[in-house]
C-alpha atoms as a PDB file:
ATOM      1  CA  MET A   1     -16.296  12.589   6.983  1.00  0.00           C
ATOM      2  CA  VAL A   2     -14.723   9.633   5.501  1.00  0.00           C
ATOM      3  CA  LYS A   3     -13.696  11.415   2.392  1.00  0.00           C
ATOM      4  CA  GLU A   4     -12.117  14.151   4.623  1.00  0.00           C
ATOM      5  CA  GLY A   5     -10.228  11.515   6.540  1.00  0.00           C
ATOM      6  CA  LEU A   6     -11.795  12.575   9.687  1.00  0.00           C
ATOM      7  CA  VAL A   7     -12.873   8.698  10.174  1.00  0.00           C
ATOM      8  CA  THR A   8     -12.842   5.122   8.935  1.00  0.00           C
ATOM      9  CA  ARG A   9     -16.032   3.082   8.408  1.00  0.00           C
ATOM     10  CA  GLU A  10     -15.488  -0.517   8.449  1.00  0.00           C
ATOM     11  CA  ARG A  11     -18.371  -3.802   8.530  1.00  0.00           C
ATOM     12  CA  ASP A  12     -18.902  -5.002  11.780  1.00  0.00           C
ATOM     13  CA  LYS A  13     -17.330  -8.325  11.686  1.00  0.00           C
ATOM     14  CA  ASP A  14     -19.910  -9.997  13.996  1.00  0.00           C
ATOM     15  CA  ASP A  15     -22.720  -8.141  12.247  1.00  0.00           C
ATOM     16  CA  ARG A  16     -22.540  -7.317   8.826  1.00  0.00           C
ATOM     17  CA  ARG A  17     -25.414  -5.078   9.015  1.00  0.00           C
ATOM     18  CA  LYS A  18     -23.445  -2.783  11.125  1.00  0.00           C
ATOM     19  CA  PHE A  19     -20.533  -0.128  10.772  1.00  0.00           C
ATOM     20  CA  CYS A  20     -17.799   0.564  13.305  1.00  0.00           C
ATOM     21  CA  ILE A  21     -16.857   4.466  13.125  1.00  0.00           C
ATOM     22  CA  SER A  22     -13.552   5.201  14.259  1.00  0.00           C
ATOM     23  CA  LEU A  23     -11.712   8.518  14.220  1.00  0.00           C
ATOM     24  CA  THR A  24      -8.257   9.052  12.436  1.00  0.00           C
ATOM     25  CA  GLU A  25      -5.445  10.632  13.809  1.00  0.00           C
ATOM     26  CA  HIS A  26      -6.706  13.863  11.858  1.00  0.00           C
ATOM     27  CA  GLY A  27     -10.099  13.397  13.639  1.00  0.00           C
ATOM     28  CA  ARG A  28      -8.647  13.002  16.838  1.00  0.00           C
ATOM     29  CA  ALA A  29      -6.482  16.134  16.447  1.00  0.00           C
ATOM     30  CA  LEU A  30     -10.165  17.928  15.513  1.00  0.00           C
ATOM     31  CA  GLU A  31     -11.772  16.389  18.250  1.00  0.00           C
ATOM     32  CA  ALA A  32      -9.329  17.408  20.836  1.00  0.00           C
ATOM     33  CA  GLU A  33      -9.545  21.385  19.332  1.00  0.00           C
ATOM     34  CA  LEU A  34     -13.134  21.455  18.791  1.00  0.00           C
ATOM     35  CA  MET A  35     -14.533  19.684  22.101  1.00  0.00           C
ATOM     36  CA  HIS A  36     -15.167  22.471  24.092  1.00  0.00           C
ATOM     37  CA  TYR A  37     -17.707  24.140  21.680  1.00  0.00           C
ATOM     38  CA  PRO A  38     -20.067  21.464  22.757  1.00  0.00           C
ATOM     39  CA  ALA A  39     -19.407  21.789  26.377  1.00  0.00           C
ATOM     40  CA  TYR A  40     -20.220  25.672  25.829  1.00  0.00           C
ATOM     41  CA  ILE A  41     -23.144  25.058  24.056  1.00  0.00           C
ATOM     42  CA  ASN A  42     -24.265  22.701  26.927  1.00  0.00           C
ATOM     43  CA  ARG A  43     -23.784  25.341  29.442  1.00  0.00           C
ATOM     44  CA  VAL A  44     -25.431  27.894  27.767  1.00  0.00           C
ATOM     45  CA  ALA A  45     -28.903  25.543  26.797  1.00  0.00           C
ATOM     46  CA  GLN A  46     -29.031  24.524  30.406  1.00  0.00           C
ATOM     47  CA  GLU A  47     -28.541  27.966  31.844  1.00  0.00           C
ATOM     48  CA  GLY A  48     -31.392  28.743  34.284  1.00  0.00           C
ATOM     49  CA  ILE A  49     -32.571  25.334  34.011  1.00  0.00           C
ATOM     50  CA  ASP A  50     -32.301  23.386  37.512  1.00  0.00           C
ATOM     51  CA  GLN A  51     -30.415  20.142  37.018  1.00  0.00           C
ATOM     52  CA  ALA A  52     -33.174  17.980  38.240  1.00  0.00           C
ATOM     53  CA  ASP A  53     -34.979  19.214  35.317  1.00  0.00           C
ATOM     54  CA  VAL A  54     -32.189  18.358  32.952  1.00  0.00           C
ATOM     55  CA  ASP A  55     -31.504  14.877  34.458  1.00  0.00           C
ATOM     56  CA  LEU A  56     -35.306  14.152  33.987  1.00  0.00           C
ATOM     57  CA  CYS A  57     -35.393  15.441  30.156  1.00  0.00           C
ATOM     58  CA  LEU A  58     -32.219  13.253  29.133  1.00  0.00           C
ATOM     59  CA  SER A  59     -33.685  10.269  30.988  1.00  0.00           C
ATOM     60  CA  VAL A  60     -37.187  10.780  29.325  1.00  0.00           C
ATOM     61  CA  LEU A  61     -35.333  11.152  25.903  1.00  0.00           C
ATOM     62  CA  SER A  62     -33.051   8.375  26.256  1.00  0.00           C
ATOM     63  CA  ARG A  63     -36.150   5.864  27.232  1.00  0.00           C
ATOM     64  CA  MET A  64     -38.008   7.271  23.939  1.00  0.00           C
ATOM     65  CA  SER A  65     -34.748   6.267  22.115  1.00  0.00           C
ATOM     66  CA  ASP A  66     -34.750   3.128  23.621  1.00  0.00           C
ATOM     67  CA  ASN A  67     -38.469   2.418  22.793  1.00  0.00           C
ATOM     68  CA  LEU A  68     -37.703   3.445  19.092  1.00  0.00           C
ATOM     69  CA  ALA A  69     -34.397   1.009  18.888  1.00  0.00           C
ATOM     70  CA  THR A  70     -36.534  -1.665  19.950  1.00  0.00           C
ATOM     71  CA  ALA A  71     -39.209  -1.273  17.739  1.00  0.00           C
ATOM     72  CA  PHE A  72     -36.747  -0.948  14.843  1.00  0.00           C
ATOM     73  CA  GLU A  73     -34.690  -4.237  15.886  1.00  0.00           C
ATOM     74  CA  LYS A  74     -38.491  -5.885  15.900  1.00  0.00           C
ATOM     75  CA  GLN A  75     -39.056  -4.427  12.837  1.00  0.00           C
ATOM     76  CA  GLU A  76     -42.249  -3.359  13.225  1.00  0.00           C
ATOM     77  CA  ARG A  77     -43.744  -1.827  10.837  1.00  0.00           C
ATOM     78  CA  VAL A  78     -45.632   1.714  10.847  1.00  0.00           C
ATOM     79  CA  PRO A  79     -49.483   0.893  11.920  1.00  0.00           C
ATOM     80  CA  ASP A  80     -51.948   2.304   9.079  1.00  0.00           C
ATOM     81  CA  VAL A  81     -53.691   4.127  11.526  1.00  0.00           C
ATOM     82  CA  ILE A  82     -52.088   6.468  14.440  1.00  0.00           C
ATOM     83  CA  GLU A  83     -53.941   6.133  17.332  1.00  0.00           C
END
């Protein structure tokens, strides 16, 4: 995406391990043009599913993501034996 001129990638000034990714003007133009697609896909995917179920699913996935992020931040290694 950097090569295509859609985003810029710069090191975070406070944490050199991280990168800041930003849309370029060209990327912003495409974003405006294309953002209706994810909204449509989400609408189709959620069709016939109660909003409460969607919200629960997103909440569980978010918590799982947080658990993984915390484990990686602590740089825990994968156990040799998975219980």
